[in-house]
Amino acid sequence: GSAVAKIIGDNAAHNPKFDSTVKMWVYEENINGRKLTEIINTEHENVKYLPGHKLPTNVLAVPDLVEAAGEADVLVFVVPHQFIGNVCDTIEGKVKKDALGLSLIKGVDAGSDGLRLISDIIREKLGIDVAVLMGANIANEVADGKFCESTIGCKNKERALLLKELMENPNFRITVVEESDVVEMCGALKALLTEIVAPSFFISKNVVAVGAGFCDGLGYGDNTKAAVIRLGLMEMVAFARTFCTSGPVSSATFLESCGVADLITTCYGGRNQRVAKAFVTTGKSIEELEKEMLNGQKLQGPATAAEVYYVLQRKELLNK
């Protein structure tokens, strides 16, 4: 979230289309006796989750979610997907009716009615239009200003261009496609492949990344890891074509940053890959490793894997 706030803050400060103040909701924590929001607003650095990177002075850390979101014209969602329901419940009825949402959340929800995209949950709970942004974007590298690409999925061309203007800079290149559900599915499924190595490769970028991490931890080598990534990509395509029913699924979308580029980045250096590797080599639990390696941040891959497995099992598609 802080890496994205850095980009948005810089762009908002130099573009008269946008309000110069960017409110960033921060879950309040005490760091060495000081409130995290106080540290961010005085030192302009998120010392816990993005240390060593200065935030623009127009980024204002706000501990109250309703205060942060209530008057916003654009709501950017960057929280672990397990928490999106509570976030939306808190601000339901308290945001502008014509606000535009942009979800950067990589995950899916497995409810009683089957698989639901995070953007659908936001859309249903808040009654606003929601686009998505996914890509090969490791937070520290984005904050460092190293060149990377990302993909916005948005069916409304005018709103897509507005979001591109808000997010893009010379080192953060944005492409826009209309297949927002496919773009989002790529981001969610990537996580799964990073974690799971099994005869049935379940399809999320983060899931694939966990599988790649297992390969690294077990010492299987680059040939096996390449096979996991290739099979994972094929599963991502097959999964999208099964569950994205709003229109045709173009293979070209998987060649955008939200697809193959994000998959490669995550499988070779993302948090899901690193923690999955440590899970094999240390014997520690995922929860222990999240605390040690991620300052308590949550992995998306394991939860997404469980949710996708649940949906496939219910629909009797595990062996497809």
C-alpha atoms as a PDB file:
ATOM      1  CA  GLY A   1       0.000   0.000   0.000  1.00  0.00           C
ATOM      2  CA  SER A   2       2.741   2.481   0.844  1.00  0.00           C
ATOM      3  CA  ALA A   3       4.558   1.873  -2.455  1.00  0.00           C
ATOM      4  CA  VAL A   4       1.339   2.628  -4.331  1.00  0.00           C
ATOM      5  CA  ALA A   5       0.678   5.674  -2.148  1.00  0.00           C
ATOM      6  CA  LYS A   6       4.097   6.989  -3.130  1.00  0.00           C
ATOM      7  CA  ILE A   7       3.180   6.876  -6.826  1.00  0.00           C
ATOM      8  CA  ILE A   8      -0.293   8.318  -6.319  1.00  0.00           C
ATOM      9  CA  GLY A   9       1.032  11.053  -4.039  1.00  0.00           C
ATOM     10  CA  ASP A  10       3.628  12.165  -6.585  1.00  0.00           C
ATOM     11  CA  ASN A  11       1.111  12.157  -9.440  1.00  0.00           C
ATOM     12  CA  ALA A  12      -1.628  13.916  -7.464  1.00  0.00           C
ATOM     13  CA  ALA A  13       0.764  16.672  -6.430  1.00  0.00           C
ATOM     14  CA  HIS A  14       1.572  17.499 -10.052  1.00  0.00           C
ATOM     15  CA  ASN A  15      -1.781  16.967 -11.773  1.00  0.00           C
ATOM     16  CA  PRO A  16      -4.562  19.548 -11.275  1.00  0.00           C
ATOM     17  CA  LYS A  17      -7.184  16.876 -12.035  1.00  0.00           C
ATOM     18  CA  PHE A  18      -6.583  15.369  -8.609  1.00  0.00           C
ATOM     19  CA  ASP A  19      -6.783  16.684  -5.067  1.00  0.00           C
ATOM     20  CA  SER A  20      -3.247  17.206  -3.834  1.00  0.00           C
ATOM     21  CA  THR A  21      -3.875  15.435  -0.506  1.00  0.00           C
ATOM     22  CA  VAL A  22      -3.849  11.635  -0.625  1.00  0.00           C
ATOM     23  CA  LYS A  23      -5.362   9.989   2.443  1.00  0.00           C
ATOM     24  CA  MET A  24      -3.913   6.566   3.238  1.00  0.00           C
ATOM     25  CA  TRP A  25      -5.739   4.414   5.774  1.00  0.00           C
ATOM     26  CA  VAL A  26      -3.220   2.845   8.155  1.00  0.00           C
ATOM     27  CA  TYR A  27      -4.078   0.223  10.751  1.00  0.00           C
ATOM     28  CA  GLU A  28      -2.844   1.885  13.921  1.00  0.00           C
ATOM     29  CA  GLU A  29       0.104   0.220  15.628  1.00  0.00           C
ATOM     30  CA  ASN A  30       2.636   1.324  18.220  1.00  0.00           C
ATOM     31  CA  ILE A  31       6.249   1.311  17.070  1.00  0.00           C
ATOM     32  CA  ASN A  32       8.714   1.880  19.914  1.00  0.00           C
ATOM     33  CA  GLY A  33       6.082   3.802  21.853  1.00  0.00           C
ATOM     34  CA  ARG A  34       4.901   5.954  18.930  1.00  0.00           C
ATOM     35  CA  LYS A  35       1.820   5.622  16.772  1.00  0.00           C
ATOM     36  CA  LEU A  36       2.598   4.437  13.253  1.00  0.00           C
ATOM     37  CA  THR A  37       0.406   7.159  11.724  1.00  0.00           C
ATOM     38  CA  GLU A  38       2.303   9.802  13.685  1.00  0.00           C
ATOM     39  CA  ILE A  39       5.624   8.456  12.400  1.00  0.00           C
ATOM     40  CA  ILE A  40       4.388   8.430   8.799  1.00  0.00           C
ATOM     41  CA  ASN A  41       2.975  11.960   9.014  1.00  0.00           C
ATOM     42  CA  THR A  42       6.077  13.469  10.638  1.00  0.00           C
ATOM     43  CA  GLU A  43       8.899  11.437   9.117  1.00  0.00           C
ATOM     44  CA  HIS A  44       7.082  10.529   5.877  1.00  0.00           C
ATOM     45  CA  GLU A  45       8.144   6.914   6.041  1.00  0.00           C
ATOM     46  CA  ASN A  46       6.277   3.697   6.800  1.00  0.00           C
ATOM     47  CA  VAL A  47       9.018   2.352   9.031  1.00  0.00           C
ATOM     48  CA  LYS A  48       7.305  -1.011   9.538  1.00  0.00           C
ATOM     49  CA  TYR A  49       6.109  -2.043   6.086  1.00  0.00           C
ATOM     50  CA  LEU A  50       8.240   0.035   3.689  1.00  0.00           C
ATOM     51  CA  PRO A  51      11.348   1.129   5.612  1.00  0.00           C
ATOM     52  CA  GLY A  52      13.970   3.202   3.867  1.00  0.00           C
ATOM     53  CA  HIS A  53      11.577   4.839   1.391  1.00  0.00           C
ATOM     54  CA  LYS A  54      10.313   8.378   1.836  1.00  0.00           C
ATOM     55  CA  LEU A  55       6.663   9.064   1.047  1.00  0.00           C
ATOM     56  CA  PRO A  56       5.516  12.332  -0.531  1.00  0.00           C
ATOM     57  CA  THR A  57       4.581  14.946   2.049  1.00  0.00           C
ATOM     58  CA  ASN A  58       1.032  15.133   0.638  1.00  0.00           C
ATOM     59  CA  VAL A  59       0.339  11.511   1.676  1.00  0.00           C
ATOM     60  CA  LEU A  60      -1.580  11.698   4.943  1.00  0.00           C
ATOM     61  CA  ALA A  61      -1.789   8.587   7.135  1.00  0.00           C
ATOM     62  CA  VAL A  62      -5.256   8.278   8.690  1.00  0.00           C
ATOM     63  CA  PRO A  63      -6.144   5.655  11.343  1.00  0.00           C
ATOM     64  CA  ASP A  64      -9.913   5.995  10.822  1.00  0.00           C
ATOM     65  CA  LEU A  65     -11.110   4.096   7.749  1.00  0.00           C
ATOM     66  CA  VAL A  66     -14.314   6.105   7.296  1.00  0.00           C
ATOM     67  CA  GLU A  67     -12.407   9.385   7.536  1.00  0.00           C
ATOM     68  CA  ALA A  68      -9.919   8.180   4.934  1.00  0.00           C
ATOM     69  CA  ALA A  69     -12.529   6.956   2.440  1.00  0.00           C
ATOM     70  CA  GLY A  70     -15.611   9.083   3.032  1.00  0.00           C
ATOM     71  CA  GLU A  71     -14.885  11.995   0.682  1.00  0.00           C
ATOM     72  CA  ALA A  72     -12.701  10.186  -1.840  1.00  0.00           C
ATOM     73  CA  ASP A  73     -13.533  10.154  -5.551  1.00  0.00           C
ATOM     74  CA  VAL A  74     -11.126   7.258  -6.134  1.00  0.00           C
ATOM     75  CA  LEU A  75     -10.777   4.416  -3.628  1.00  0.00           C
ATOM     76  CA  VAL A  76      -7.663   2.262  -4.024  1.00  0.00           C
ATOM     77  CA  PHE A  77      -7.867  -1.075  -2.208  1.00  0.00           C
ATOM     78  CA  VAL A  78      -4.569  -2.684  -1.148  1.00  0.00           C
ATOM     79  CA  VAL A  79      -5.290  -5.026   1.769  1.00  0.00           C
ATOM     80  CA  PRO A  80      -4.941  -8.812   2.174  1.00  0.00           C
ATOM     81  CA  HIS A  81      -7.973 -10.354   0.514  1.00  0.00           C
ATOM     82  CA  GLN A  82      -9.076 -12.020   3.760  1.00  0.00           C
ATOM     83  CA  PHE A  83      -9.905  -8.580   5.191  1.00  0.00           C
ATOM     84  CA  ILE A  84     -11.777  -6.965   2.304  1.00  0.00           C
ATOM     85  CA  GLY A  85     -15.185  -7.970   3.662  1.00  0.00           C
ATOM     86  CA  ASN A  86     -14.620  -6.191   6.979  1.00  0.00           C
ATOM     87  CA  VAL A  87     -13.161  -3.146   5.223  1.00  0.00           C
ATOM     88  CA  CYS A  88     -16.205  -2.820   2.972  1.00  0.00           C
ATOM     89  CA  ASP A  89     -18.615  -3.394   5.854  1.00  0.00           C
ATOM     90  CA  THR A  90     -16.979  -0.524   7.750  1.00  0.00           C
ATOM     91  CA  ILE A  91     -17.373   2.018   4.937  1.00  0.00           C
ATOM     92  CA  GLU A  92     -20.628   0.729   3.434  1.00  0.00           C
ATOM     93  CA  GLY A  93     -23.025   3.656   2.980  1.00  0.00           C
ATOM     94  CA  LYS A  94     -20.280   6.122   3.916  1.00  0.00           C
ATOM     95  CA  VAL A  95     -18.536   6.592   0.548  1.00  0.00           C
ATOM     96  CA  LYS A  96     -19.575   8.641  -2.472  1.00  0.00           C
ATOM     97  CA  LYS A  97     -22.073   6.864  -4.697  1.00  0.00           C
ATOM     98  CA  ASP A  98     -20.143   7.855  -7.826  1.00  0.00           C
ATOM     99  CA  ALA A  99     -16.733   6.933  -6.388  1.00  0.00           C
ATOM    100  CA  LEU A 100     -14.465   4.773  -8.523  1.00  0.00           C
ATOM    101  CA  GLY A 101     -12.757   1.774  -6.950  1.00  0.00           C
ATOM    102  CA  LEU A 102      -9.408   0.325  -7.995  1.00  0.00           C
ATOM    103  CA  SER A 103      -8.499  -3.052  -6.512  1.00  0.00           C
ATOM    104  CA  LEU A 104      -4.883  -4.199  -6.314  1.00  0.00           C
ATOM    105  CA  ILE A 105      -5.881  -7.184  -4.181  1.00  0.00           C
ATOM    106  CA  LYS A 106      -4.676 -10.583  -5.383  1.00  0.00           C
ATOM    107  CA  GLY A 107      -7.013 -13.271  -4.183  1.00  0.00           C
ATOM    108  CA  VAL A 108     -10.455 -14.801  -4.506  1.00  0.00           C
ATOM    109  CA  ASP A 109     -13.272 -15.590  -2.122  1.00  0.00           C
ATOM    110  CA  ALA A 110     -14.841 -19.041  -1.979  1.00  0.00           C
ATOM    111  CA  GLY A 111     -18.369 -18.561  -0.716  1.00  0.00           C
ATOM    112  CA  SER A 112     -21.369 -20.852  -0.625  1.00  0.00           C
ATOM    113  CA  ASP A 113     -22.288 -19.747  -4.146  1.00  0.00           C
ATOM    114  CA  GLY A 114     -18.860 -20.541  -5.566  1.00  0.00           C
ATOM    115  CA  LEU A 115     -15.885 -18.381  -6.555  1.00  0.00           C
ATOM    116  CA  ARG A 116     -16.143 -14.606  -6.190  1.00  0.00           C
ATOM    117  CA  LEU A 117     -13.632 -12.038  -7.361  1.00  0.00           C
ATOM    118  CA  ILE A 118     -12.561  -9.403  -4.857  1.00  0.00           C
ATOM    119  CA  SER A 119     -13.751  -6.641  -7.189  1.00  0.00           C
ATOM    120  CA  ASP A 120     -17.215  -8.225  -7.179  1.00  0.00           C
ATOM    121  CA  ILE A 121     -17.292  -8.159  -3.375  1.00  0.00           C
ATOM    122  CA  ILE A 122     -16.360  -4.461  -3.343  1.00  0.00           C
ATOM    123  CA  ARG A 123     -18.882  -3.704  -6.081  1.00  0.00           C
ATOM    124  CA  GLU A 124     -21.710  -5.531  -4.324  1.00  0.00           C
ATOM    125  CA  LYS A 125     -21.063  -4.140  -0.853  1.00  0.00           C
ATOM    126  CA  LEU A 126     -20.365  -0.517  -1.784  1.00  0.00           C
ATOM    127  CA  GLY A 127     -22.419  -0.135  -4.964  1.00  0.00           C
ATOM    128  CA  ILE A 128     -19.571   1.507  -6.884  1.00  0.00           C
ATOM    129  CA  ASP A 129     -17.765   0.822 -10.144  1.00  0.00           C
ATOM    130  CA  VAL A 130     -14.526  -1.137  -9.620  1.00  0.00           C
ATOM    131  CA  ALA A 131     -11.504  -1.623 -11.879  1.00  0.00           C
ATOM    132  CA  VAL A 132      -8.426  -3.731 -11.119  1.00  0.00           C
ATOM    133  CA  LEU A 133      -4.660  -3.315 -11.394  1.00  0.00           C
ATOM    134  CA  MET A 134      -2.334  -6.331 -11.485  1.00  0.00           C
ATOM    135  CA  GLY A 135       1.249  -6.782 -12.577  1.00  0.00           C
ATOM    136  CA  ALA A 136       4.844  -7.718 -11.858  1.00  0.00           C
ATOM    137  CA  ASN A 137       5.208  -5.225  -9.039  1.00  0.00           C
ATOM    138  CA  ILE A 138       7.330  -6.160  -6.020  1.00  0.00           C
ATOM    139  CA  ALA A 139       6.769  -3.321  -3.554  1.00  0.00           C
ATOM    140  CA  ASN A 140      10.395  -2.460  -2.744  1.00  0.00           C
ATOM    141  CA  GLU A 141      11.324  -2.259  -6.420  1.00  0.00           C
ATOM    142  CA  VAL A 142       8.295  -0.095  -7.179  1.00  0.00           C
ATOM    143  CA  ALA A 143       9.256   2.215  -4.314  1.00  0.00           C
ATOM    144  CA  ASP A 144      12.860   2.317  -5.580  1.00  0.00           C
ATOM    145  CA  GLY A 145      11.593   3.603  -8.921  1.00  0.00           C
ATOM    146  CA  LYS A 146      12.911   0.615 -10.853  1.00  0.00           C
ATOM    147  CA  PHE A 147      11.110   0.220 -14.170  1.00  0.00           C
ATOM    148  CA  CYS A 148       8.131  -2.113 -14.123  1.00  0.00           C
ATOM    149  CA  GLU A 149       4.802  -2.615 -15.847  1.00  0.00           C
ATOM    150  CA  SER A 150       1.263  -3.200 -14.689  1.00  0.00           C
ATOM    151  CA  THR A 151      -2.135  -3.865 -16.249  1.00  0.00           C
ATOM    152  CA  ILE A 152      -5.403  -2.070 -15.537  1.00  0.00           C
ATOM    153  CA  GLY A 153      -8.546  -4.029 -16.279  1.00  0.00           C
ATOM    154  CA  CYS A 154     -11.522  -1.721 -16.770  1.00  0.00           C
ATOM    155  CA  LYS A 155     -14.560  -1.953 -19.026  1.00  0.00           C
ATOM    156  CA  ASN A 156     -15.145   1.824 -19.066  1.00  0.00           C
ATOM    157  CA  LYS A 157     -12.525   3.387 -21.327  1.00  0.00           C
ATOM    158  CA  GLU A 158     -12.863   6.922 -19.953  1.00  0.00           C
ATOM    159  CA  ARG A 159     -12.465   5.795 -16.361  1.00  0.00           C
ATOM    160  CA  ALA A 160      -9.602   3.492 -17.328  1.00  0.00           C
ATOM    161  CA  LEU A 161      -7.678   6.432 -18.785  1.00  0.00           C
ATOM    162  CA  LEU A 162      -8.292   8.449 -15.608  1.00  0.00           C
ATOM    163  CA  LEU A 163      -6.875   5.622 -13.500  1.00  0.00           C
ATOM    164  CA  LYS A 164      -3.917   5.293 -15.842  1.00  0.00           C
ATOM    165  CA  GLU A 165      -3.213   8.993 -15.398  1.00  0.00           C
ATOM    166  CA  LEU A 166      -3.358   8.566 -11.624  1.00  0.00           C
ATOM    167  CA  MET A 167      -1.057   5.533 -11.530  1.00  0.00           C
ATOM    168  CA  GLU A 168       1.441   5.819 -14.392  1.00  0.00           C
ATOM    169  CA  ASN A 169       4.851   7.469 -14.275  1.00  0.00           C
ATOM    170  CA  PRO A 170       8.005   7.057 -16.394  1.00  0.00           C
ATOM    171  CA  ASN A 171       9.100   4.025 -14.355  1.00  0.00           C
ATOM    172  CA  PHE A 172       5.658   2.502 -13.797  1.00  0.00           C
ATOM    173  CA  ARG A 173       4.180   1.730 -17.198  1.00  0.00           C
ATOM    174  CA  ILE A 174       0.466   0.958 -17.440  1.00  0.00           C
ATOM    175  CA  THR A 175      -1.438  -0.872 -20.162  1.00  0.00           C
ATOM    176  CA  VAL A 176      -5.235  -1.007 -20.203  1.00  0.00           C
ATOM    177  CA  VAL A 177      -7.434  -3.933 -21.234  1.00  0.00           C
ATOM    178  CA  GLU A 178     -11.197  -4.407 -20.999  1.00  0.00           C
ATOM    179  CA  GLU A 179     -11.066  -7.956 -19.574  1.00  0.00           C
ATOM    180  CA  SER A 180     -11.007  -6.878 -15.941  1.00  0.00           C
ATOM    181  CA  ASP A 181     -12.115 -10.282 -14.644  1.00  0.00           C
ATOM    182  CA  VAL A 182      -9.287 -12.063 -16.490  1.00  0.00           C
ATOM    183  CA  VAL A 183      -6.731  -9.514 -15.254  1.00  0.00           C
ATOM    184  CA  GLU A 184      -7.917 -10.068 -11.696  1.00  0.00           C
ATOM    185  CA  MET A 185      -7.943 -13.841 -12.059  1.00  0.00           C
ATOM    186  CA  CYS A 186      -4.306 -13.712 -13.206  1.00  0.00           C
ATOM    187  CA  GLY A 187      -3.311 -11.844 -10.065  1.00  0.00           C
ATOM    188  CA  ALA A 188      -5.171 -14.199  -7.776  1.00  0.00           C
ATOM    189  CA  LEU A 189      -4.069 -17.457  -9.327  1.00  0.00           C
ATOM    190  CA  LYS A 190      -0.417 -16.528  -9.636  1.00  0.00           C
ATOM    191  CA  ALA A 191      -0.146 -16.884  -5.892  1.00  0.00           C
ATOM    192  CA  LEU A 192      -1.353 -20.440  -5.893  1.00  0.00           C
ATOM    193  CA  LEU A 193       1.234 -21.754  -8.261  1.00  0.00           C
ATOM    194  CA  THR A 194       4.038 -20.343  -6.223  1.00  0.00           C
ATOM    195  CA  GLU A 195       3.023 -22.554  -3.393  1.00  0.00           C
ATOM    196  CA  ILE A 196       1.703 -25.829  -4.738  1.00  0.00           C
ATOM    197  CA  VAL A 197       3.599 -28.518  -6.567  1.00  0.00           C
ATOM    198  CA  ALA A 198       1.267 -31.426  -7.245  1.00  0.00           C
ATOM    199  CA  PRO A 199      -0.194 -33.373 -10.180  1.00  0.00           C
ATOM    200  CA  SER A 200      -3.057 -30.874 -10.314  1.00  0.00           C
ATOM    201  CA  PHE A 201      -1.506 -27.401 -10.440  1.00  0.00           C
ATOM    202  CA  PHE A 202      -3.983 -24.905  -9.096  1.00  0.00           C
ATOM    203  CA  ILE A 203      -3.925 -21.707 -10.837  1.00  0.00           C
ATOM    204  CA  SER A 204      -3.200 -18.552  -9.049  1.00  0.00           C
ATOM    205  CA  LYS A 205      -0.049 -16.580  -9.583  1.00  0.00           C
ATOM    206  CA  ASN A 206       0.585 -16.623  -5.847  1.00  0.00           C
ATOM    207  CA  VAL A 207      -0.294 -20.289  -5.709  1.00  0.00           C
ATOM    208  CA  VAL A 208       2.190 -21.047  -8.470  1.00  0.00           C
ATOM    209  CA  ALA A 209       4.758 -18.989  -6.614  1.00  0.00           C
ATOM    210  CA  VAL A 210       4.357 -21.197  -3.562  1.00  0.00           C
ATOM    211  CA  GLY A 211       4.977 -24.240  -5.741  1.00  0.00           C
ATOM    212  CA  ALA A 212       8.098 -22.575  -7.117  1.00  0.00           C
ATOM    213  CA  GLY A 213       9.259 -21.902  -3.560  1.00  0.00           C
ATOM    214  CA  PHE A 214       8.743 -25.545  -2.667  1.00  0.00           C
ATOM    215  CA  CYS A 215      10.875 -26.488  -5.684  1.00  0.00           C
ATOM    216  CA  ASP A 216      13.642 -24.181  -4.491  1.00  0.00           C
ATOM    217  CA  GLY A 217      13.456 -25.491  -0.935  1.00  0.00           C
ATOM    218  CA  LEU A 218      13.577 -29.109  -2.090  1.00  0.00           C
ATOM    219  CA  GLY A 219      16.516 -28.396  -4.415  1.00  0.00           C
ATOM    220  CA  TYR A 220      14.691 -29.564  -7.538  1.00  0.00           C
ATOM    221  CA  GLY A 221      16.512 -27.131  -9.817  1.00  0.00           C
ATOM    222  CA  ASP A 222      15.537 -24.705 -12.543  1.00  0.00           C
ATOM    223  CA  ASN A 223      14.210 -27.310 -14.988  1.00  0.00           C
ATOM    224  CA  THR A 224      11.541 -28.457 -12.540  1.00  0.00           C
ATOM    225  CA  LYS A 225      10.766 -24.891 -11.541  1.00  0.00           C
ATOM    226  CA  ALA A 226      10.320 -23.908 -15.192  1.00  0.00           C
ATOM    227  CA  ALA A 227       7.903 -26.823 -15.608  1.00  0.00           C
ATOM    228  CA  VAL A 228       5.908 -25.674 -12.577  1.00  0.00           C
ATOM    229  CA  ILE A 229       5.667 -22.158 -14.011  1.00  0.00           C
ATOM    230  CA  ARG A 230       4.644 -23.373 -17.474  1.00  0.00           C
ATOM    231  CA  LEU A 231       2.047 -25.795 -16.128  1.00  0.00           C
ATOM    232  CA  GLY A 232       0.837 -23.132 -13.747  1.00  0.00           C
ATOM    233  CA  LEU A 233       0.319 -20.658 -16.575  1.00  0.00           C
ATOM    234  CA  MET A 234      -1.647 -23.256 -18.530  1.00  0.00           C
ATOM    235  CA  GLU A 235      -3.814 -23.896 -15.466  1.00  0.00           C
ATOM    236  CA  MET A 236      -4.388 -20.159 -15.048  1.00  0.00           C
ATOM    237  CA  VAL A 237      -5.669 -19.934 -18.621  1.00  0.00           C
ATOM    238  CA  ALA A 238      -7.893 -23.001 -18.206  1.00  0.00           C
ATOM    239  CA  PHE A 239      -9.268 -21.734 -14.908  1.00  0.00           C
ATOM    240  CA  ALA A 240     -10.070 -18.307 -16.348  1.00  0.00           C
ATOM    241  CA  ARG A 241     -11.861 -19.854 -19.318  1.00  0.00           C
ATOM    242  CA  THR A 242     -13.942 -21.969 -16.952  1.00  0.00           C
ATOM    243  CA  PHE A 243     -14.916 -19.286 -14.462  1.00  0.00           C
ATOM    244  CA  CYS A 244     -14.775 -15.957 -16.356  1.00  0.00           C
ATOM    245  CA  THR A 245     -18.182 -16.122 -17.992  1.00  0.00           C
ATOM    246  CA  SER A 246     -18.818 -12.448 -18.765  1.00  0.00           C
ATOM    247  CA  GLY A 247     -17.187 -12.734 -22.186  1.00  0.00           C
ATOM    248  CA  PRO A 248     -14.461 -14.434 -24.222  1.00  0.00           C
ATOM    249  CA  VAL A 249     -11.072 -14.917 -22.567  1.00  0.00           C
ATOM    250  CA  SER A 250      -8.231 -13.742 -24.789  1.00  0.00           C
ATOM    251  CA  SER A 251      -4.872 -15.489 -24.554  1.00  0.00           C
ATOM    252  CA  ALA A 252      -3.250 -12.108 -25.243  1.00  0.00           C
ATOM    253  CA  THR A 253      -4.267 -10.855 -21.795  1.00  0.00           C
ATOM    254  CA  PHE A 254      -2.018 -13.491 -20.218  1.00  0.00           C
ATOM    255  CA  LEU A 255       0.943 -11.977 -22.084  1.00  0.00           C
ATOM    256  CA  GLU A 256       0.401  -8.629 -20.356  1.00  0.00           C
ATOM    257  CA  SER A 257       2.160  -7.706 -17.116  1.00  0.00           C
ATOM    258  CA  CYS A 258      -0.770  -9.087 -15.101  1.00  0.00           C
ATOM    259  CA  GLY A 259      -0.092 -12.542 -16.551  1.00  0.00           C
ATOM    260  CA  VAL A 260       3.245 -14.063 -17.468  1.00  0.00           C
ATOM    261  CA  ALA A 261       5.394 -11.167 -16.194  1.00  0.00           C
ATOM    262  CA  ASP A 262       3.750 -11.152 -12.775  1.00  0.00           C
ATOM    263  CA  LEU A 263       4.018 -14.941 -12.628  1.00  0.00           C
ATOM    264  CA  ILE A 264       7.765 -14.942 -13.366  1.00  0.00           C
ATOM    265  CA  THR A 265       8.506 -12.151 -10.894  1.00  0.00           C
ATOM    266  CA  THR A 266       6.559 -13.814  -8.109  1.00  0.00           C
ATOM    267  CA  CYS A 267       8.069 -17.244  -8.709  1.00  0.00           C
ATOM    268  CA  TYR A 268      11.633 -15.918  -8.554  1.00  0.00           C
ATOM    269  CA  GLY A 269      11.511 -13.271  -5.853  1.00  0.00           C
ATOM    270  CA  GLY A 270       8.076 -12.678  -4.369  1.00  0.00           C
ATOM    271  CA  ARG A 271       7.129 -13.175  -0.739  1.00  0.00           C
ATOM    272  CA  ASN A 272       5.127 -16.335  -1.504  1.00  0.00           C
ATOM    273  CA  GLN A 273       8.169 -17.963  -3.106  1.00  0.00           C
ATOM    274  CA  ARG A 274      10.527 -16.906  -0.321  1.00  0.00           C
ATOM    275  CA  VAL A 275       8.297 -18.058   2.515  1.00  0.00           C
ATOM    276  CA  ALA A 276       7.422 -21.330   0.760  1.00  0.00           C
ATOM    277  CA  LYS A 277      11.137 -22.059   0.329  1.00  0.00           C
ATOM    278  CA  ALA A 278      11.773 -21.319   4.013  1.00  0.00           C
ATOM    279  CA  PHE A 279       8.800 -23.517   4.941  1.00  0.00           C
ATOM    280  CA  VAL A 280      10.601 -26.481   3.362  1.00  0.00           C
ATOM    281  CA  THR A 281      14.111 -25.702   4.588  1.00  0.00           C
ATOM    282  CA  THR A 282      13.324 -24.667   8.184  1.00  0.00           C
ATOM    283  CA  GLY A 283      10.314 -26.797   9.103  1.00  0.00           C
ATOM    284  CA  LYS A 284       8.642 -23.745  10.637  1.00  0.00           C
ATOM    285  CA  SER A 285       4.949 -23.030  10.154  1.00  0.00           C
ATOM    286  CA  ILE A 286       3.656 -20.471   7.667  1.00  0.00           C
ATOM    287  CA  GLU A 287       2.425 -18.341  10.583  1.00  0.00           C
ATOM    288  CA  GLU A 288       5.887 -18.304  12.194  1.00  0.00           C
ATOM    289  CA  LEU A 289       7.537 -17.372   8.912  1.00  0.00           C
ATOM    290  CA  GLU A 290       5.046 -14.574   8.249  1.00  0.00           C
ATOM    291  CA  LYS A 291       6.027 -13.020  11.577  1.00  0.00           C
ATOM    292  CA  GLU A 292       9.764 -13.492  11.023  1.00  0.00           C
ATOM    293  CA  MET A 293      10.055 -12.648   7.323  1.00  0.00           C
ATOM    294  CA  LEU A 294       7.111 -10.345   6.607  1.00  0.00           C
ATOM    295  CA  ASN A 295       6.668  -8.372   9.833  1.00  0.00           C
ATOM    296  CA  GLY A 296       3.354 -10.143  10.321  1.00  0.00           C
ATOM    297  CA  GLN A 297       2.005  -9.468   6.822  1.00  0.00           C
ATOM    298  CA  LYS A 298      -0.088 -12.295   5.402  1.00  0.00           C
ATOM    299  CA  LEU A 299       0.654 -14.456   2.374  1.00  0.00           C
ATOM    300  CA  GLN A 300      -2.037 -14.624  -0.282  1.00  0.00           C
ATOM    301  CA  GLY A 301      -0.998 -17.951  -1.804  1.00  0.00           C
ATOM    302  CA  PRO A 302      -2.004 -20.439   0.929  1.00  0.00           C
ATOM    303  CA  ALA A 303      -5.423 -18.878   1.489  1.00  0.00           C
ATOM    304  CA  THR A 304      -6.113 -18.624  -2.244  1.00  0.00           C
ATOM    305  CA  ALA A 305      -5.041 -22.234  -2.750  1.00  0.00           C
ATOM    306  CA  ALA A 306      -7.507 -23.403  -0.112  1.00  0.00           C
ATOM    307  CA  GLU A 307     -10.325 -21.353  -1.612  1.00  0.00           C
ATOM    308  CA  VAL A 308      -9.691 -22.496  -5.180  1.00  0.00           C
ATOM    309  CA  TYR A 309      -9.430 -26.123  -4.049  1.00  0.00           C
ATOM    310  CA  TYR A 310     -12.756 -25.783  -2.244  1.00  0.00           C
ATOM    311  CA  VAL A 311     -14.482 -24.418  -5.356  1.00  0.00           C
ATOM    312  CA  LEU A 312     -12.982 -27.035  -7.681  1.00  0.00           C
ATOM    313  CA  GLN A 313     -13.935 -29.804  -5.269  1.00  0.00           C
ATOM    314  CA  ARG A 314     -17.531 -28.604  -5.034  1.00  0.00           C
ATOM    315  CA  LYS A 315     -17.826 -28.398  -8.805  1.00  0.00           C
ATOM    316  CA  GLU A 316     -16.103 -31.790  -9.261  1.00  0.00           C
ATOM    317  CA  LEU A 317     -13.332 -30.244 -11.354  1.00  0.00           C
ATOM    318  CA  LEU A 318     -10.268 -31.372  -9.382  1.00  0.00           C
ATOM    319  CA  ASN A 319      -9.109 -33.762 -12.107  1.00  0.00           C
ATOM    320  CA  LYS A 320      -9.911 -31.537 -15.067  1.00  0.00           C
END
